[in-house]
Amino acid sequence: MKIVLVLGGGNALGAYHAGLYEALHDAGIEPEWVVGTSIGAVTGAIIAGNSPEDRVDRLRKLWRPADEQGWPMPWDMLPEGWRRTGAVVETLLTGRAGLFGPLGSYPAWRQADGAAGSPAVYDTHALSSTLQDLVDFDLLNRGPMRMTAVAVDIETGEEVLLDTARQRLSADHIRASAALLTAYPAVEVDGRLFGDGGLSMNLPIDPVMLDSGSTPILCIASDLLPLSSRRPKTIGEVAGRMQDLAFAAQSRRTLSRWRAFFENGCPGRETCRSVALVTTAYRDQEQEVAGKAMDFSPRSVLQRWNSGRRDGDALVHRLRSDEFTRGQDGLTIHDAAGDGRITA
């Protein structure tokens, strides 16, 4: 089967993707194609733009999960919820080194310059430099692994697939996929103004389903924002839950649409391609706070990485049993964390 890895958006929560990939990599399970939105596109570019032996190391350089250097912040000694909230405030004020500049470095009232296509609160030039350091763009574009980043045309609202199978991708293409308005400026590439792909396709399985061909596909889709959760008890939990639902409900509708497409016999196609879609999600979020997508603290990053690693190890165990791919036709949707199977 052709293995495809789909990586959703979620900013700082993307360390989960890195841990999940580490588990697949250590098990010798390598995708032929990576599709990513936002932080998923950044992660995907690092995977596709490096040789196998360098990928996990490059991901660690991006996330720095064990980086304990520097002076401890006052909130590091507080209970976990307060510590994470303090880390969010720190990021909002100072930015994230290697990704985006501090609050006010690219003020919303300033007109866009030639390197950014819209006003925003933060500046993301640092992300371009980081991508240049961590990604071999010649390998990304000419290597054996296909890479697709999803973006949105800010002027037309069109979903755009930035795909190495059709064009040469640069750091600006990846930065455009991660340009979440109004925090980060939209990015102009080849005369078009692009923003974060998560605005319309946060779990980007559409490119996989739309791809022509007859080879059976095993698609591993990693989502960072869970659809289900415990009942929120505080205003902060309500705010966090609202953020989750805005994106997770979008993903649910996408899955439902493709399930119906296959149930109806794949209209417009001669045959229905065999697709085993295995979904995994960052569910270990009991300690997360409302601003979790801006918590880049090493302890939080390490917790998310380890969560992805645990889920990845469990997924590998089930993949080795071949339970996802035995004797299946059409589309089958599996929850990697559960025992049930949804068949379309």
C-alpha atoms as a PDB file:
ATOM      1  CA  MET A   1       0.000   0.000   0.000  1.00  0.00           C
ATOM      2  CA  LYS A   2       1.033   3.596  -0.568  1.00  0.00           C
ATOM      3  CA  ILE A   3       1.578   5.237   2.844  1.00  0.00           C
ATOM      4  CA  VAL A   4       0.490   8.861   3.241  1.00  0.00           C
ATOM      5  CA  LEU A   5       0.980  10.953   6.397  1.00  0.00           C
ATOM      6  CA  VAL A   6      -1.495  13.810   6.938  1.00  0.00           C
ATOM      7  CA  LEU A   7      -0.626  16.423   9.570  1.00  0.00           C
ATOM      8  CA  GLY A   8      -3.182  18.957  10.844  1.00  0.00           C
ATOM      9  CA  GLY A   9      -2.756  22.475  12.200  1.00  0.00           C
ATOM     10  CA  GLY A  10      -2.487  23.583  15.825  1.00  0.00           C
ATOM     11  CA  ASN A  11       0.605  25.790  16.260  1.00  0.00           C
ATOM     12  CA  ALA A  12       2.472  24.784  19.476  1.00  0.00           C
ATOM     13  CA  LEU A  13       0.491  21.546  19.723  1.00  0.00           C
ATOM     14  CA  GLY A  14       2.409  20.340  16.662  1.00  0.00           C
ATOM     15  CA  ALA A  15       5.060  18.729  18.856  1.00  0.00           C
ATOM     16  CA  TYR A  16       2.577  15.831  18.981  1.00  0.00           C
ATOM     17  CA  HIS A  17       3.174  15.271  15.243  1.00  0.00           C
ATOM     18  CA  ALA A  18       6.917  15.037  15.870  1.00  0.00           C
ATOM     19  CA  GLY A  19       6.516  12.352  18.524  1.00  0.00           C
ATOM     20  CA  LEU A  20       4.113  10.397  16.319  1.00  0.00           C
ATOM     21  CA  TYR A  21       6.528  10.516  13.390  1.00  0.00           C
ATOM     22  CA  GLU A  22       9.413   9.442  15.631  1.00  0.00           C
ATOM     23  CA  ALA A  23       7.508   6.259  16.489  1.00  0.00           C
ATOM     24  CA  LEU A  24       6.782   5.524  12.820  1.00  0.00           C
ATOM     25  CA  HIS A  25      10.388   6.263  11.875  1.00  0.00           C
ATOM     26  CA  ASP A  26      11.846   3.998  14.551  1.00  0.00           C
ATOM     27  CA  ALA A  27       9.554   1.218  13.329  1.00  0.00           C
ATOM     28  CA  GLY A  28      10.734   1.659   9.740  1.00  0.00           C
ATOM     29  CA  ILE A  29       7.358   2.930   8.537  1.00  0.00           C
ATOM     30  CA  GLU A  30       8.097   5.786   6.137  1.00  0.00           C
ATOM     31  CA  PRO A  31       5.464   7.678   4.135  1.00  0.00           C
ATOM     32  CA  GLU A  32       5.760   8.206   0.397  1.00  0.00           C
ATOM     33  CA  TRP A  33       3.725  11.403   0.657  1.00  0.00           C
ATOM     34  CA  VAL A  34       3.232  14.000   3.411  1.00  0.00           C
ATOM     35  CA  VAL A  35       0.307  16.435   3.393  1.00  0.00           C
ATOM     36  CA  GLY A  36       0.277  19.254   5.944  1.00  0.00           C
ATOM     37  CA  THR A  37      -1.609  22.341   7.011  1.00  0.00           C
ATOM     38  CA  SER A  38      -0.027  25.118   9.107  1.00  0.00           C
ATOM     39  CA  ILE A  39       2.354  23.578  11.680  1.00  0.00           C
ATOM     40  CA  GLY A  40       1.649  20.285   9.914  1.00  0.00           C
ATOM     41  CA  ALA A  41       3.148  21.778   6.751  1.00  0.00           C
ATOM     42  CA  VAL A  42       6.223  22.933   8.677  1.00  0.00           C
ATOM     43  CA  THR A  43       6.630  19.452  10.157  1.00  0.00           C
ATOM     44  CA  GLY A  44       6.000  17.811   6.808  1.00  0.00           C
ATOM     45  CA  ALA A  45       8.625  19.954   5.088  1.00  0.00           C
ATOM     46  CA  ILE A  46      11.229  18.926   7.661  1.00  0.00           C
ATOM     47  CA  ILE A  47      10.338  15.249   7.157  1.00  0.00           C
ATOM     48  CA  ALA A  48      10.297  15.356   3.357  1.00  0.00           C
ATOM     49  CA  GLY A  49      13.257  17.738   3.112  1.00  0.00           C
ATOM     50  CA  ASN A  50      15.772  15.595   4.991  1.00  0.00           C
ATOM     51  CA  SER A  51      17.331  12.170   4.658  1.00  0.00           C
ATOM     52  CA  PRO A  52      15.711   9.572   6.955  1.00  0.00           C
ATOM     53  CA  GLU A  53      18.584   9.534   9.460  1.00  0.00           C
ATOM     54  CA  ASP A  54      18.360  13.324   9.979  1.00  0.00           C
ATOM     55  CA  ARG A  55      14.600  13.864  10.258  1.00  0.00           C
ATOM     56  CA  VAL A  56      14.014  13.313  13.979  1.00  0.00           C
ATOM     57  CA  ASP A  57      17.088  15.362  14.882  1.00  0.00           C
ATOM     58  CA  ARG A  58      15.816  18.252  12.739  1.00  0.00           C
ATOM     59  CA  LEU A  59      12.408  18.040  14.387  1.00  0.00           C
ATOM     60  CA  ARG A  60      14.063  18.245  17.804  1.00  0.00           C
ATOM     61  CA  LYS A  61      15.950  21.344  16.693  1.00  0.00           C
ATOM     62  CA  LEU A  62      12.634  22.932  15.743  1.00  0.00           C
ATOM     63  CA  TRP A  63      10.826  22.064  18.983  1.00  0.00           C
ATOM     64  CA  ARG A  64      13.678  21.960  21.532  1.00  0.00           C
ATOM     65  CA  PRO A  65      11.646  19.744  23.909  1.00  0.00           C
ATOM     66  CA  ALA A  66      14.491  19.273  26.403  1.00  0.00           C
ATOM     67  CA  ASP A  67      15.834  22.822  26.271  1.00  0.00           C
ATOM     68  CA  GLU A  68      16.159  23.870  29.911  1.00  0.00           C
ATOM     69  CA  GLN A  69      18.682  26.619  29.310  1.00  0.00           C
ATOM     70  CA  GLY A  70      18.122  30.173  30.441  1.00  0.00           C
ATOM     71  CA  TRP A  71      16.765  31.638  33.631  1.00  0.00           C
ATOM     72  CA  PRO A  72      13.604  30.004  35.005  1.00  0.00           C
ATOM     73  CA  MET A  73      10.505  32.150  34.789  1.00  0.00           C
ATOM     74  CA  PRO A  74       8.551  32.986  37.969  1.00  0.00           C
ATOM     75  CA  TRP A  75       5.583  30.846  36.897  1.00  0.00           C
ATOM     76  CA  ASP A  76       7.733  27.722  36.450  1.00  0.00           C
ATOM     77  CA  MET A  77       7.291  26.992  40.155  1.00  0.00           C
ATOM     78  CA  LEU A  78       3.497  27.399  40.041  1.00  0.00           C
ATOM     79  CA  PRO A  79       0.918  24.598  39.680  1.00  0.00           C
ATOM     80  CA  GLU A  80       0.774  23.208  36.161  1.00  0.00           C
ATOM     81  CA  GLY A  81      -2.248  25.181  34.953  1.00  0.00           C
ATOM     82  CA  TRP A  82      -0.773  28.484  36.107  1.00  0.00           C
ATOM     83  CA  ARG A  83       2.648  27.531  34.722  1.00  0.00           C
ATOM     84  CA  ARG A  84       1.169  26.917  31.287  1.00  0.00           C
ATOM     85  CA  THR A  85      -0.809  30.145  31.426  1.00  0.00           C
ATOM     86  CA  GLY A  86       2.390  32.009  32.288  1.00  0.00           C
ATOM     87  CA  ALA A  87       4.115  30.359  29.330  1.00  0.00           C
ATOM     88  CA  VAL A  88       1.292  31.516  27.034  1.00  0.00           C
ATOM     89  CA  VAL A  89       1.666  35.093  28.282  1.00  0.00           C
ATOM     90  CA  GLU A  90       5.422  34.910  27.742  1.00  0.00           C
ATOM     91  CA  THR A  91       4.936  33.807  24.123  1.00  0.00           C
ATOM     92  CA  LEU A  92       2.316  36.483  23.460  1.00  0.00           C
ATOM     93  CA  LEU A  93       4.742  39.143  24.649  1.00  0.00           C
ATOM     94  CA  THR A  94       8.073  37.860  23.365  1.00  0.00           C
ATOM     95  CA  GLY A  95       7.204  35.570  20.451  1.00  0.00           C
ATOM     96  CA  ARG A  96       8.885  32.256  19.772  1.00  0.00           C
ATOM     97  CA  ALA A  97      12.533  32.277  18.730  1.00  0.00           C
ATOM     98  CA  GLY A  98      12.894  30.716  15.315  1.00  0.00           C
ATOM     99  CA  LEU A  99       9.203  31.060  14.446  1.00  0.00           C
ATOM    100  CA  PHE A 100       7.809  34.556  14.970  1.00  0.00           C
ATOM    101  CA  GLY A 101       8.869  37.878  16.421  1.00  0.00           C
ATOM    102  CA  PRO A 102       7.657  39.491  19.661  1.00  0.00           C
ATOM    103  CA  LEU A 103       4.423  41.392  20.174  1.00  0.00           C
ATOM    104  CA  GLY A 104       4.504  44.620  18.200  1.00  0.00           C
ATOM    105  CA  SER A 105       7.401  43.627  15.944  1.00  0.00           C
ATOM    106  CA  TYR A 106       4.952  43.707  13.051  1.00  0.00           C
ATOM    107  CA  PRO A 107       2.097  45.900  14.339  1.00  0.00           C
ATOM    108  CA  ALA A 108      -1.330  45.526  12.781  1.00  0.00           C
ATOM    109  CA  TRP A 109      -1.572  49.213  11.983  1.00  0.00           C
ATOM    110  CA  ARG A 110       1.583  49.201   9.854  1.00  0.00           C
ATOM    111  CA  GLN A 111       1.222  48.710   6.120  1.00  0.00           C
ATOM    112  CA  ALA A 112       2.534  45.432   4.763  1.00  0.00           C
ATOM    113  CA  ASP A 113       6.052  45.463   3.362  1.00  0.00           C
ATOM    114  CA  GLY A 114       7.336  43.562   0.358  1.00  0.00           C
ATOM    115  CA  ALA A 115       8.024  40.379   2.325  1.00  0.00           C
ATOM    116  CA  ALA A 116       4.599  40.064   3.928  1.00  0.00           C
ATOM    117  CA  GLY A 117       1.239  40.372   2.272  1.00  0.00           C
ATOM    118  CA  SER A 118      -0.928  41.768   5.077  1.00  0.00           C
ATOM    119  CA  PRO A 119      -0.726  43.582   8.400  1.00  0.00           C
ATOM    120  CA  ALA A 120      -0.398  41.358  11.466  1.00  0.00           C
ATOM    121  CA  VAL A 121       0.585  41.361  15.126  1.00  0.00           C
ATOM    122  CA  TYR A 122       3.748  39.240  14.749  1.00  0.00           C
ATOM    123  CA  ASP A 123       6.514  38.944  12.171  1.00  0.00           C
ATOM    124  CA  THR A 124       7.346  35.497  10.731  1.00  0.00           C
ATOM    125  CA  HIS A 125      10.621  36.168   8.942  1.00  0.00           C
ATOM    126  CA  ALA A 126      12.297  33.985  11.576  1.00  0.00           C
ATOM    127  CA  LEU A 127      10.304  30.994  10.317  1.00  0.00           C
ATOM    128  CA  SER A 128      11.764  31.429   6.830  1.00  0.00           C
ATOM    129  CA  SER A 129      15.294  31.410   8.281  1.00  0.00           C
ATOM    130  CA  THR A 130      14.509  28.343  10.401  1.00  0.00           C
ATOM    131  CA  LEU A 131      13.133  26.468   7.400  1.00  0.00           C
ATOM    132  CA  GLN A 132      16.225  27.318   5.379  1.00  0.00           C
ATOM    133  CA  ASP A 133      18.372  25.890   8.183  1.00  0.00           C
ATOM    134  CA  LEU A 134      16.326  22.726   8.782  1.00  0.00           C
ATOM    135  CA  VAL A 135      15.089  21.820   5.300  1.00  0.00           C
ATOM    136  CA  ASP A 136      17.062  20.827   2.196  1.00  0.00           C
ATOM    137  CA  PHE A 137      14.739  22.366  -0.382  1.00  0.00           C
ATOM    138  CA  ASP A 138      16.469  20.611  -3.281  1.00  0.00           C
ATOM    139  CA  LEU A 139      15.716  17.283  -1.606  1.00  0.00           C
ATOM    140  CA  LEU A 140      12.208  18.429  -0.719  1.00  0.00           C
ATOM    141  CA  ASN A 141      11.437  19.182  -4.348  1.00  0.00           C
ATOM    142  CA  ARG A 142      13.397  16.437  -6.086  1.00  0.00           C
ATOM    143  CA  GLY A 143      13.506  13.661  -3.513  1.00  0.00           C
ATOM    144  CA  PRO A 144      11.406  10.500  -3.349  1.00  0.00           C
ATOM    145  CA  MET A 145       8.866  11.822  -0.830  1.00  0.00           C
ATOM    146  CA  ARG A 146       6.051  13.983  -2.178  1.00  0.00           C
ATOM    147  CA  MET A 147       5.095  17.031  -0.100  1.00  0.00           C
ATOM    148  CA  THR A 148       1.826  18.990  -0.198  1.00  0.00           C
ATOM    149  CA  ALA A 149       1.102  22.101   1.862  1.00  0.00           C
ATOM    150  CA  VAL A 150      -2.418  23.534   2.041  1.00  0.00           C
ATOM    151  CA  ALA A 151      -3.054  27.286   1.940  1.00  0.00           C
ATOM    152  CA  VAL A 152      -5.984  29.626   1.299  1.00  0.00           C
ATOM    153  CA  ASP A 153      -6.035  32.421  -1.261  1.00  0.00           C
ATOM    154  CA  ILE A 154      -6.960  35.401   0.924  1.00  0.00           C
ATOM    155  CA  GLU A 155      -8.588  37.310  -1.932  1.00  0.00           C
ATOM    156  CA  THR A 156     -10.644  34.547  -3.581  1.00  0.00           C
ATOM    157  CA  GLY A 157     -11.110  32.163  -0.644  1.00  0.00           C
ATOM    158  CA  GLU A 158      -9.874  29.275  -2.810  1.00  0.00           C
ATOM    159  CA  GLU A 159      -8.145  26.321  -1.186  1.00  0.00           C
ATOM    160  CA  VAL A 160      -4.743  25.949  -2.810  1.00  0.00           C
ATOM    161  CA  LEU A 161      -2.552  22.848  -2.828  1.00  0.00           C
ATOM    162  CA  LEU A 162       1.146  23.712  -2.909  1.00  0.00           C
ATOM    163  CA  ASP A 163       2.542  20.431  -4.169  1.00  0.00           C
ATOM    164  CA  THR A 164       6.039  19.294  -5.124  1.00  0.00           C
ATOM    165  CA  ALA A 165       4.422  17.048  -7.745  1.00  0.00           C
ATOM    166  CA  ARG A 166       3.394  20.196  -9.651  1.00  0.00           C
ATOM    167  CA  GLN A 167       5.704  23.033  -8.588  1.00  0.00           C
ATOM    168  CA  ARG A 168       8.851  23.900  -6.709  1.00  0.00           C
ATOM    169  CA  LEU A 169       8.179  24.802  -3.073  1.00  0.00           C
ATOM    170  CA  SER A 170      10.157  27.388  -1.125  1.00  0.00           C
ATOM    171  CA  ALA A 171      10.249  28.488   2.498  1.00  0.00           C
ATOM    172  CA  ASP A 172       7.630  31.125   1.655  1.00  0.00           C
ATOM    173  CA  HIS A 173       5.180  28.462   0.466  1.00  0.00           C
ATOM    174  CA  ILE A 174       5.481  26.687   3.813  1.00  0.00           C
ATOM    175  CA  ARG A 175       5.269  29.964   5.729  1.00  0.00           C
ATOM    176  CA  ALA A 176       2.125  30.831   3.769  1.00  0.00           C
ATOM    177  CA  SER A 177       0.453  27.601   4.860  1.00  0.00           C
ATOM    178  CA  ALA A 178       1.114  28.612   8.484  1.00  0.00           C
ATOM    179  CA  ALA A 179       0.040  32.261   8.169  1.00  0.00           C
ATOM    180  CA  LEU A 180      -2.864  32.330  10.634  1.00  0.00           C
ATOM    181  CA  LEU A 181      -4.500  35.737  10.375  1.00  0.00           C
ATOM    182  CA  THR A 182      -4.351  38.114  12.200  1.00  0.00           C
ATOM    183  CA  ALA A 183      -1.522  36.860  14.366  1.00  0.00           C
ATOM    184  CA  TYR A 184       0.771  36.224  11.400  1.00  0.00           C
ATOM    185  CA  PRO A 185       0.924  38.119   8.099  1.00  0.00           C
ATOM    186  CA  ALA A 186      -0.397  36.539   4.930  1.00  0.00           C
ATOM    187  CA  VAL A 187       2.398  35.712   2.497  1.00  0.00           C
ATOM    188  CA  GLU A 188       2.490  36.714  -1.151  1.00  0.00           C
ATOM    189  CA  VAL A 189       3.900  34.058  -3.467  1.00  0.00           C
ATOM    190  CA  ASP A 190       3.898  34.387  -7.259  1.00  0.00           C
ATOM    191  CA  GLY A 191       1.427  37.260  -7.099  1.00  0.00           C
ATOM    192  CA  ARG A 192      -1.109  35.463  -4.888  1.00  0.00           C
ATOM    193  CA  LEU A 193      -1.783  36.255  -1.248  1.00  0.00           C
ATOM    194  CA  PHE A 194      -1.926  33.127   0.912  1.00  0.00           C
ATOM    195  CA  GLY A 195      -3.033  32.441   4.480  1.00  0.00           C
ATOM    196  CA  ASP A 196      -3.224  29.484   6.824  1.00  0.00           C
ATOM    197  CA  GLY A 197      -4.709  26.349   5.249  1.00  0.00           C
ATOM    198  CA  GLY A 198      -6.414  25.521   8.536  1.00  0.00           C
ATOM    199  CA  LEU A 199      -8.952  28.266   7.838  1.00  0.00           C
ATOM    200  CA  SER A 200     -10.692  25.814   5.519  1.00  0.00           C
ATOM    201  CA  MET A 201      -8.916  22.429   5.788  1.00  0.00           C
ATOM    202  CA  ASN A 202      -7.282  21.901   9.163  1.00  0.00           C
ATOM    203  CA  LEU A 203      -7.017  18.116   8.745  1.00  0.00           C
ATOM    204  CA  PRO A 204      -6.077  17.989   5.046  1.00  0.00           C
ATOM    205  CA  ILE A 205      -7.260  14.592   3.851  1.00  0.00           C
ATOM    206  CA  ASP A 206      -8.896  16.040   0.700  1.00  0.00           C
ATOM    207  CA  PRO A 207      -5.683  15.959  -1.390  1.00  0.00           C
ATOM    208  CA  VAL A 208      -5.327  12.255  -0.620  1.00  0.00           C
ATOM    209  CA  MET A 209      -8.919  11.423  -1.538  1.00  0.00           C
ATOM    210  CA  LEU A 210      -8.734  13.525  -4.719  1.00  0.00           C
ATOM    211  CA  ASP A 211      -5.490  11.943  -5.921  1.00  0.00           C
ATOM    212  CA  SER A 212      -5.914   9.851  -9.043  1.00  0.00           C
ATOM    213  CA  GLY A 213      -4.519   6.366  -9.216  1.00  0.00           C
ATOM    214  CA  SER A 214      -5.406   2.801  -8.365  1.00  0.00           C
ATOM    215  CA  THR A 215      -2.740   1.889  -5.791  1.00  0.00           C
ATOM    216  CA  PRO A 216      -4.339   1.166  -2.394  1.00  0.00           C
ATOM    217  CA  ILE A 217      -3.587   3.841   0.213  1.00  0.00           C
ATOM    218  CA  LEU A 218      -2.900   3.680   3.921  1.00  0.00           C
ATOM    219  CA  CYS A 219      -3.467   7.235   5.144  1.00  0.00           C
ATOM    220  CA  ILE A 220      -2.374   8.103   8.686  1.00  0.00           C
ATOM    221  CA  ALA A 221      -4.050  11.378   9.699  1.00  0.00           C
ATOM    222  CA  SER A 222      -2.815  13.175  12.826  1.00  0.00           C
ATOM    223  CA  ASP A 223      -5.236  15.720  14.323  1.00  0.00           C
ATOM    224  CA  LEU A 224      -4.237  18.141  17.086  1.00  0.00           C
ATOM    225  CA  LEU A 225      -7.677  19.349  18.169  1.00  0.00           C
ATOM    226  CA  PRO A 226     -10.016  16.703  19.615  1.00  0.00           C
ATOM    227  CA  LEU A 227     -13.696  16.529  18.724  1.00  0.00           C
ATOM    228  CA  SER A 228     -14.730  15.082  22.080  1.00  0.00           C
ATOM    229  CA  SER A 229     -13.679  16.188  25.556  1.00  0.00           C
ATOM    230  CA  ARG A 230     -14.902  16.337  29.131  1.00  0.00           C
ATOM    231  CA  ARG A 231     -17.390  19.024  30.082  1.00  0.00           C
ATOM    232  CA  PRO A 232     -15.625  22.408  30.640  1.00  0.00           C
ATOM    233  CA  LYS A 233     -15.846  23.796  34.176  1.00  0.00           C
ATOM    234  CA  THR A 234     -14.133  27.195  33.929  1.00  0.00           C
ATOM    235  CA  ILE A 235     -14.287  30.109  31.518  1.00  0.00           C
ATOM    236  CA  GLY A 236     -10.789  29.231  30.345  1.00  0.00           C
ATOM    237  CA  GLU A 237     -11.856  25.661  29.597  1.00  0.00           C
ATOM    238  CA  VAL A 238     -14.893  26.955  27.710  1.00  0.00           C
ATOM    239  CA  ALA A 239     -12.634  29.188  25.580  1.00  0.00           C
ATOM    240  CA  GLY A 240     -10.298  26.290  24.851  1.00  0.00           C
ATOM    241  CA  ARG A 241     -13.189  24.003  23.987  1.00  0.00           C
ATOM    242  CA  MET A 242     -14.593  26.586  21.589  1.00  0.00           C
ATOM    243  CA  GLN A 243     -11.251  26.665  19.732  1.00  0.00           C
ATOM    244  CA  ASP A 244     -11.181  22.866  19.508  1.00  0.00           C
ATOM    245  CA  LEU A 245     -14.719  22.589  18.175  1.00  0.00           C
ATOM    246  CA  ALA A 246     -14.245  25.258  15.517  1.00  0.00           C
ATOM    247  CA  PHE A 247     -11.596  23.115  13.831  1.00  0.00           C
ATOM    248  CA  ALA A 248     -12.557  19.581  14.897  1.00  0.00           C
ATOM    249  CA  ALA A 249     -16.125  19.956  13.636  1.00  0.00           C
ATOM    250  CA  GLN A 250     -14.659  21.000  10.280  1.00  0.00           C
ATOM    251  CA  SER A 251     -12.656  17.764  10.201  1.00  0.00           C
ATOM    252  CA  ARG A 252     -15.738  15.702  11.095  1.00  0.00           C
ATOM    253  CA  ARG A 253     -17.671  17.194   8.186  1.00  0.00           C
ATOM    254  CA  THR A 254     -14.799  16.363   5.834  1.00  0.00           C
ATOM    255  CA  LEU A 255     -14.791  12.734   6.960  1.00  0.00           C
ATOM    256  CA  SER A 256     -18.573  12.522   6.578  1.00  0.00           C
ATOM    257  CA  ARG A 257     -18.402  13.961   3.068  1.00  0.00           C
ATOM    258  CA  TRP A 258     -15.857  11.402   1.904  1.00  0.00           C
ATOM    259  CA  ARG A 259     -17.700   8.556   3.605  1.00  0.00           C
ATOM    260  CA  ALA A 260     -20.826   9.498   1.635  1.00  0.00           C
ATOM    261  CA  PHE A 261     -18.794   9.763  -1.579  1.00  0.00           C
ATOM    262  CA  PHE A 262     -17.547   6.191  -1.233  1.00  0.00           C
ATOM    263  CA  GLU A 263     -20.947   4.883  -0.112  1.00  0.00           C
ATOM    264  CA  ASN A 264     -22.402   6.268  -3.352  1.00  0.00           C
ATOM    265  CA  GLY A 265     -19.879   4.369  -5.447  1.00  0.00           C
ATOM    266  CA  CYS A 266     -17.392   7.217  -6.078  1.00  0.00           C
ATOM    267  CA  PRO A 267     -19.420   9.208  -8.640  1.00  0.00           C
ATOM    268  CA  GLY A 268     -17.362  10.231 -11.671  1.00  0.00           C
ATOM    269  CA  ARG A 269     -14.769   7.493 -11.187  1.00  0.00           C
ATOM    270  CA  GLU A 270     -14.548   4.130 -12.893  1.00  0.00           C
ATOM    271  CA  THR A 271     -13.744   2.381  -9.623  1.00  0.00           C
ATOM    272  CA  CYS A 272     -13.429   3.266  -5.951  1.00  0.00           C
ATOM    273  CA  ARG A 273      -9.835   3.317  -4.822  1.00  0.00           C
ATOM    274  CA  SER A 274      -9.070   1.304  -1.683  1.00  0.00           C
ATOM    275  CA  VAL A 275      -8.247   3.729   1.153  1.00  0.00           C
ATOM    276  CA  ALA A 276      -7.620   2.779   4.778  1.00  0.00           C
ATOM    277  CA  LEU A 277      -7.816   6.050   6.736  1.00  0.00           C
ATOM    278  CA  VAL A 278      -6.367   5.749  10.238  1.00  0.00           C
ATOM    279  CA  THR A 279      -7.005   8.797  12.422  1.00  0.00           C
ATOM    280  CA  THR A 280      -5.076   9.628  15.548  1.00  0.00           C
ATOM    281  CA  ALA A 281      -5.563  12.721  17.705  1.00  0.00           C
ATOM    282  CA  TYR A 282      -3.812  14.561  20.505  1.00  0.00           C
ATOM    283  CA  ARG A 283      -6.279  13.676  23.265  1.00  0.00           C
ATOM    284  CA  ASP A 284      -3.981  13.928  26.295  1.00  0.00           C
ATOM    285  CA  GLN A 285      -5.028  17.526  26.953  1.00  0.00           C
ATOM    286  CA  GLU A 286      -6.219  17.524  30.570  1.00  0.00           C
ATOM    287  CA  GLN A 287      -3.450  19.933  31.590  1.00  0.00           C
ATOM    288  CA  GLU A 288      -3.746  22.230  28.577  1.00  0.00           C
ATOM    289  CA  VAL A 289      -5.037  25.801  28.988  1.00  0.00           C
ATOM    290  CA  ALA A 290      -7.115  28.069  26.751  1.00  0.00           C
ATOM    291  CA  GLY A 291      -4.072  29.569  25.022  1.00  0.00           C
ATOM    292  CA  LYS A 292      -2.400  26.179  24.539  1.00  0.00           C
ATOM    293  CA  ALA A 293      -1.521  26.872  20.905  1.00  0.00           C
ATOM    294  CA  MET A 294       0.847  29.593  22.165  1.00  0.00           C
ATOM    295  CA  ASP A 295       2.500  27.550  24.928  1.00  0.00           C
ATOM    296  CA  PHE A 296       5.948  26.662  23.549  1.00  0.00           C
ATOM    297  CA  SER A 297       7.535  26.020  26.956  1.00  0.00           C
ATOM    298  CA  PRO A 298       9.962  23.051  26.937  1.00  0.00           C
ATOM    299  CA  ARG A 299       7.936  21.110  29.515  1.00  0.00           C
ATOM    300  CA  SER A 300       4.714  21.453  27.534  1.00  0.00           C
ATOM    301  CA  VAL A 301       6.460  20.647  24.253  1.00  0.00           C
ATOM    302  CA  LEU A 302       8.006  17.521  25.797  1.00  0.00           C
ATOM    303  CA  GLN A 303       4.624  16.370  27.153  1.00  0.00           C
ATOM    304  CA  ARG A 304       3.043  16.699  23.695  1.00  0.00           C
ATOM    305  CA  TRP A 305       5.989  14.999  21.979  1.00  0.00           C
ATOM    306  CA  ASN A 306       5.775  12.088  24.423  1.00  0.00           C
ATOM    307  CA  SER A 307       2.021  11.857  23.916  1.00  0.00           C
ATOM    308  CA  GLY A 308       2.542  11.584  20.171  1.00  0.00           C
ATOM    309  CA  ARG A 309       5.245   8.991  20.722  1.00  0.00           C
ATOM    310  CA  ARG A 310       2.950   6.844  22.893  1.00  0.00           C
ATOM    311  CA  ASP A 311       0.117   7.045  20.383  1.00  0.00           C
ATOM    312  CA  GLY A 312       2.568   6.335  17.583  1.00  0.00           C
ATOM    313  CA  ASP A 313       3.898   3.228  19.335  1.00  0.00           C
ATOM    314  CA  ALA A 314       0.334   1.957  19.798  1.00  0.00           C
ATOM    315  CA  LEU A 315      -0.411   2.692  16.145  1.00  0.00           C
ATOM    316  CA  VAL A 316       2.688   0.807  15.008  1.00  0.00           C
ATOM    317  CA  HIS A 317       1.598  -2.219  17.042  1.00  0.00           C
ATOM    318  CA  ARG A 318      -1.763  -2.246  15.289  1.00  0.00           C
ATOM    319  CA  LEU A 319      -0.235  -1.627  11.870  1.00  0.00           C
ATOM    320  CA  ARG A 320       2.024  -4.637  12.317  1.00  0.00           C
ATOM    321  CA  SER A 321      -1.022  -6.787  12.995  1.00  0.00           C
ATOM    322  CA  ASP A 322      -2.319  -5.701   9.565  1.00  0.00           C
ATOM    323  CA  GLU A 323      -5.791  -5.141  11.035  1.00  0.00           C
ATOM    324  CA  PHE A 324      -6.276  -1.866   9.147  1.00  0.00           C
ATOM    325  CA  THR A 325      -5.570  -3.243   5.685  1.00  0.00           C
ATOM    326  CA  ARG A 326      -6.722  -6.872   5.526  1.00  0.00           C
ATOM    327  CA  GLY A 327      -9.213  -7.626   2.777  1.00  0.00           C
ATOM    328  CA  GLN A 328     -10.741  -4.167   2.536  1.00  0.00           C
ATOM    329  CA  ASP A 329     -12.238  -2.317  -0.417  1.00  0.00           C
ATOM    330  CA  GLY A 330     -13.398   1.265  -0.729  1.00  0.00           C
ATOM    331  CA  LEU A 331     -12.922   3.587   2.235  1.00  0.00           C
ATOM    332  CA  THR A 332     -12.480   2.333   5.771  1.00  0.00           C
ATOM    333  CA  ILE A 333     -12.040   4.785   8.634  1.00  0.00           C
ATOM    334  CA  HIS A 334     -10.327   3.655  11.812  1.00  0.00           C
ATOM    335  CA  ASP A 335      -9.698   5.378  15.124  1.00  0.00           C
ATOM    336  CA  ALA A 336      -6.159   4.391  16.052  1.00  0.00           C
ATOM    337  CA  ALA A 337      -6.960   4.759  19.760  1.00  0.00           C
ATOM    338  CA  GLY A 338     -10.039   2.557  19.744  1.00  0.00           C
ATOM    339  CA  ASP A 339     -11.020  -0.959  18.854  1.00  0.00           C
ATOM    340  CA  GLY A 340     -13.942  -0.046  16.631  1.00  0.00           C
ATOM    341  CA  ARG A 341     -13.911   0.412  12.902  1.00  0.00           C
ATOM    342  CA  ILE A 342     -16.149   2.657  10.835  1.00  0.00           C
ATOM    343  CA  THR A 343     -16.592   1.289   7.336  1.00  0.00           C
ATOM    344  CA  ALA A 344     -17.886   3.282   4.389  1.00  0.00           C
END
